Amino acid sequence: MKLLIKYAAVVSSITISQAYANEFYYGVAEHLFRRDYTYSEQAILKSKEICASVMRIDAPWEDVEKKKGIYHIPKKWDDVINKMVSVGIKPLLIIDYGNSLYGNGKPVTEEYTKAYAAYAYYLARHFKGRVNLYEIWNEWDTTTGGMPKGNVADYQKLVKMTYPRIKSVDKKITVITGSFSPAALDVAVGESKRNFLADYMSPEMASYTDAIAIHPYVAYRKKPYNEYSKY
């Protein structure tokens, strides 16, 4: 696994493995594809002003595939990506969330999972040469996105189906997985026995992952675990 990615509030930082010690990305997270373009452009320029080199944004599946097997990227998406690239910011696209064409919850059936992977492939192909960072889902273990909590086994299946489709477009693309909620770290502070990260990061999954994302938000925790230094 090449990278360990940490998202804290809006600011994103990446702790790089020894092999990638010269790479460090400082970035911000936003939801630009569902904003008007004027707002998005200002957000991109402000991010550049504070020296952000990456912007992490959602790429909502339902906005692109509104009929099974038929995809259409909104023009605004291309405008946003092109603006980022023009000012030297790397786009990081979160492939989320579900699509009601295939079910009401997370992609756990074979058809739903294949459809998600097909969407990921379409995104990677459409933005080839402009987007080289993709994240498979966001906080699978929670209800983020208005869906029931997911389990590790189903997420592993989703990753194993999706990762090869993205990499088939361009092997240089970095595919980020994990991205569990702060609750995934509860075991570290004795607040839970579940350990999403340990369960997910099996030797097998190393072949389907270029980077691991974690969300170590601590503001809501009780003292002394409300400080990043405790982790």
Protein backbone atom coordinates (compact mmCIF):
# COMPACT_ATOMS: atom_id res chain seq x y z
CA MET A 1 0.00 0.00 0.00
CA LYS A 2 1.59 3.23 -1.15
CA LEU A 3 0.01 5.90 1.00
CA LEU A 4 -1.76 6.50 4.28
CA ILE A 5 -4.29 9.28 3.86
CA LYS A 6 -5.76 11.19 6.80
CA TYR A 7 -8.66 13.61 6.54
CA ALA A 8 -9.15 16.00 9.41
CA ALA A 9 -12.19 18.28 9.08
CA VAL A 10 -11.72 20.16 5.79
CA VAL A 11 -7.96 19.82 5.62
CA SER A 12 -6.50 16.66 4.13
CA SER A 13 -2.97 15.50 4.80
CA ILE A 14 -1.13 12.48 3.55
CA THR A 15 1.49 10.57 5.49
CA ILE A 16 3.70 8.96 2.90
CA SER A 17 5.41 5.61 3.18
CA GLN A 18 9.19 5.53 3.01
CA ALA A 19 9.10 4.65 -0.68
CA TYR A 20 7.11 7.79 -1.39
CA ALA A 21 8.78 10.09 1.11
CA ASN A 22 9.09 12.92 -1.41
CA GLU A 23 5.33 13.12 -2.06
CA PHE A 24 3.13 15.14 0.26
CA TYR A 25 -0.29 16.48 -0.60
CA TYR A 26 -2.01 19.23 1.37
CA GLY A 27 -5.61 19.62 0.32
CA VAL A 28 -9.21 20.47 1.07
CA ALA A 29 -12.52 18.64 0.81
CA GLU A 30 -15.58 20.16 -0.86
CA HIS A 31 -18.79 19.21 -2.69
CA LEU A 32 -18.29 21.15 -5.90
CA PHE A 33 -20.18 19.08 -8.45
CA ARG A 34 -23.52 20.03 -6.89
CA ARG A 35 -22.62 23.69 -6.38
CA ASP A 36 -23.07 26.42 -8.96
CA TYR A 37 -19.95 27.00 -11.04
CA THR A 38 -19.26 30.49 -9.66
CA TYR A 39 -19.00 29.07 -6.14
CA SER A 40 -16.89 26.18 -7.35
CA GLU A 41 -14.48 28.42 -9.21
CA GLN A 42 -14.03 30.66 -6.16
CA ALA A 43 -13.45 27.62 -3.94
CA ILE A 44 -10.79 26.33 -6.31
CA LEU A 45 -9.01 29.69 -6.45
CA LYS A 46 -9.15 30.08 -2.65
CA SER A 47 -7.76 26.58 -2.26
CA LYS A 48 -4.90 27.51 -4.55
CA GLU A 49 -4.25 30.64 -2.47
CA ILE A 50 -3.73 28.53 0.65
CA CYS A 51 -1.36 26.27 -1.29
CA ALA A 52 -3.67 23.27 -1.49
CA SER A 53 -2.45 20.79 -4.08
CA VAL A 54 -5.43 18.41 -3.92
CA MET A 55 -9.21 18.86 -3.75
CA ARG A 56 -11.32 15.90 -2.64
CA ILE A 57 -14.85 16.04 -4.05
CA ASP A 58 -17.86 13.75 -4.49
CA ALA A 59 -18.77 12.30 -7.87
CA PRO A 60 -22.42 11.29 -7.21
CA TRP A 61 -23.31 8.21 -9.24
CA GLU A 62 -27.01 9.12 -9.49
CA ASP A 63 -26.14 12.35 -11.29
CA VAL A 64 -24.48 10.44 -14.14
CA GLU A 65 -26.40 7.18 -14.63
CA LYS A 66 -30.11 7.97 -14.69
CA LYS A 67 -31.00 5.05 -16.94
CA LYS A 68 -29.30 1.69 -16.60
CA GLY A 69 -26.14 1.55 -18.64
CA ILE A 70 -26.46 5.11 -19.97
CA TYR A 71 -23.97 7.64 -18.61
CA HIS A 72 -23.77 11.39 -19.00
CA ILE A 73 -21.22 13.58 -17.24
CA PRO A 74 -22.71 17.04 -16.57
CA LYS A 75 -20.79 19.83 -18.33
CA LYS A 76 -20.22 21.50 -14.95
CA TRP A 77 -18.17 18.50 -13.84
CA ASP A 78 -15.79 18.95 -16.75
CA ASP A 79 -15.62 22.69 -16.10
CA VAL A 80 -14.71 22.11 -12.44
CA ILE A 81 -12.07 19.49 -13.22
CA ASN A 82 -10.57 21.60 -15.99
CA LYS A 83 -10.35 24.59 -13.65
CA MET A 84 -8.57 22.55 -10.99
CA VAL A 85 -6.09 21.19 -13.48
CA SER A 86 -5.47 24.64 -14.98
CA VAL A 87 -4.36 26.04 -11.60
CA GLY A 88 -2.29 23.01 -10.67
CA ILE A 89 -4.66 21.30 -8.23
CA LYS A 90 -5.05 17.52 -8.37
CA PRO A 91 -8.70 16.37 -8.27
CA LEU A 92 -9.49 13.45 -5.96
CA LEU A 93 -12.88 11.97 -6.83
CA ILE A 94 -14.94 9.99 -4.32
CA ILE A 95 -17.03 7.46 -6.22
CA ASP A 96 -20.26 7.68 -4.24
CA TYR A 97 -22.97 6.87 -3.21
CA GLY A 98 -25.62 4.44 -4.32
CA ASN A 99 -27.98 4.50 -7.30
CA SER A 100 -31.70 3.83 -6.87
CA LEU A 101 -31.77 2.12 -10.27
CA TYR A 102 -30.12 -0.86 -8.62
CA GLY A 103 -31.38 -0.75 -5.04
CA ASN A 104 -32.11 1.43 -2.03
CA GLY A 105 -28.99 0.75 0.00
CA LYS A 106 -25.31 0.16 -0.58
CA PRO A 107 -24.03 -1.96 -3.49
CA VAL A 108 -24.05 -5.44 -1.96
CA THR A 109 -25.78 -7.58 -4.60
CA GLU A 110 -23.80 -8.84 -7.60
CA GLU A 111 -25.73 -6.68 -10.08
CA TYR A 112 -25.42 -3.56 -7.91
CA THR A 113 -21.71 -4.10 -7.29
CA LYS A 114 -20.98 -4.65 -10.98
CA ALA A 115 -22.95 -1.51 -11.84
CA TYR A 116 -20.92 0.53 -9.35
CA ALA A 117 -17.68 -0.82 -10.81
CA ALA A 118 -18.92 0.02 -14.31
CA TYR A 119 -19.60 3.60 -13.21
CA ALA A 120 -16.12 3.83 -11.70
CA TYR A 121 -14.65 2.60 -14.99
CA TYR A 122 -16.65 5.18 -16.92
CA LEU A 123 -15.45 7.98 -14.65
CA ALA A 124 -11.81 6.93 -14.95
CA ARG A 125 -12.06 6.70 -18.73
CA HIS A 126 -13.87 10.03 -19.08
CA PHE A 127 -11.36 11.91 -16.92
CA LYS A 128 -8.27 10.01 -18.07
CA GLY A 129 -5.25 12.31 -18.04
CA ARG A 130 -7.02 14.82 -15.78
CA VAL A 131 -7.92 12.80 -12.68
CA ASN A 132 -5.45 10.32 -11.22
CA LEU A 133 -6.83 9.96 -7.68
CA TYR A 134 -10.01 8.00 -6.95
CA GLU A 135 -11.58 6.87 -3.68
CA ILE A 136 -13.93 3.89 -3.50
CA TRP A 137 -16.89 5.07 -1.39
CA ASN A 138 -16.85 7.26 1.72
CA GLU A 139 -17.41 5.95 5.26
CA TRP A 140 -18.91 2.60 4.28
CA ASP A 141 -19.28 1.66 7.96
CA THR A 142 -21.77 4.47 8.67
CA THR A 143 -25.06 5.83 7.34
CA THR A 144 -23.25 8.54 5.36
CA GLY A 145 -25.12 9.05 2.11
CA GLY A 146 -28.44 8.16 3.74
CA MET A 147 -27.91 4.41 3.63
CA PRO A 148 -27.68 1.62 6.22
CA LYS A 149 -24.31 0.86 7.77
CA GLY A 150 -22.16 -1.49 5.74
CA ASN A 151 -19.95 -4.38 6.83
CA VAL A 152 -16.33 -5.06 5.98
CA ALA A 153 -16.97 -8.19 3.89
CA ASP A 154 -19.32 -6.38 1.51
CA TYR A 155 -16.91 -3.47 1.18
CA GLN A 156 -14.08 -5.85 0.34
CA LYS A 157 -16.21 -7.36 -2.43
CA LEU A 158 -16.95 -3.88 -3.79
CA VAL A 159 -13.27 -2.96 -3.79
CA LYS A 160 -12.21 -6.22 -5.45
CA MET A 161 -14.76 -5.64 -8.21
CA THR A 162 -14.00 -1.93 -8.69
CA TYR A 163 -10.22 -1.64 -8.31
CA PRO A 164 -9.31 -3.66 -11.43
CA ARG A 165 -11.82 -1.72 -13.56
CA ILE A 166 -10.25 1.60 -12.64
CA LYS A 167 -6.68 0.37 -13.04
CA SER A 168 -7.52 -1.07 -16.47
CA VAL A 169 -7.93 2.51 -17.70
CA ASP A 170 -4.53 3.66 -16.44
CA LYS A 171 -2.20 1.76 -14.16
CA LYS A 172 -0.80 5.06 -12.89
CA ILE A 173 -4.12 5.98 -11.26
CA THR A 174 -4.00 5.85 -7.45
CA VAL A 175 -7.03 4.05 -6.02
CA ILE A 176 -7.77 4.89 -2.39
CA THR A 177 -9.81 2.52 -0.23
CA GLY A 178 -10.80 2.27 3.42
CA SER A 179 -12.13 5.72 4.20
CA PHE A 180 -13.96 4.41 7.24
CA SER A 181 -15.54 6.84 9.69
CA PRO A 182 -13.93 7.92 12.99
CA ALA A 183 -15.92 5.11 14.63
CA ALA A 184 -13.53 2.68 12.96
CA LEU A 185 -10.90 3.94 15.40
CA ASP A 186 -13.06 3.37 18.51
CA VAL A 187 -11.20 0.16 19.29
CA ALA A 188 -8.01 2.17 19.77
CA VAL A 189 -9.54 4.07 22.68
CA GLY A 190 -11.47 1.18 24.20
CA GLU A 191 -14.89 2.42 23.08
CA SER A 192 -15.65 -0.57 20.87
CA LYS A 193 -14.41 -4.05 20.06
CA ARG A 194 -15.00 -3.74 16.34
CA ASN A 195 -11.92 -3.03 14.27
CA PHE A 196 -12.88 -2.15 10.72
CA LEU A 197 -9.35 -1.23 9.69
CA ALA A 198 -7.74 -4.44 10.94
CA ASP A 199 -10.51 -6.57 9.46
CA TYR A 200 -10.29 -4.78 6.12
CA MET A 201 -6.51 -4.67 5.71
CA SER A 202 -5.92 -8.35 5.03
CA PRO A 203 -2.92 -9.44 2.94
CA GLU A 204 -5.33 -10.15 0.08
CA MET A 205 -6.66 -6.58 0.02
CA ALA A 206 -3.15 -5.19 -0.41
CA SER A 207 -3.47 -6.26 -4.05
CA TYR A 208 -6.57 -4.09 -4.46
CA THR A 209 -5.36 -0.94 -2.73
CA ASP A 210 -2.88 1.81 -3.55
CA ALA A 211 -3.69 3.93 -0.51
CA ILE A 212 -5.65 3.65 2.74
CA ALA A 213 -7.81 6.56 3.92
CA ILE A 214 -8.83 7.13 7.53
CA HIS A 215 -10.97 9.82 9.16
CA PRO A 216 -9.50 10.49 12.61
CA TYR A 217 -11.88 13.25 13.69
CA VAL A 218 -11.45 13.78 17.42
CA ALA A 219 -13.38 16.92 18.36
CA TYR A 220 -16.41 14.90 19.52
CA ARG A 221 -14.41 12.51 21.73
CA LYS A 222 -14.05 12.77 25.49
CA LYS A 223 -10.77 13.84 27.06
CA PRO A 224 -8.00 12.81 26.73
CA TYR A 225 -8.91 11.26 23.36
CA ASN A 226 -10.00 14.55 21.82
CA GLU A 227 -6.42 15.26 20.72
CA TYR A 228 -4.72 13.84 17.64
CA SER A 229 -1.59 13.12 19.65
CA LYS A 230 -3.43 10.24 21.36
CA TYR A 231 -3.48 8.34 18.07
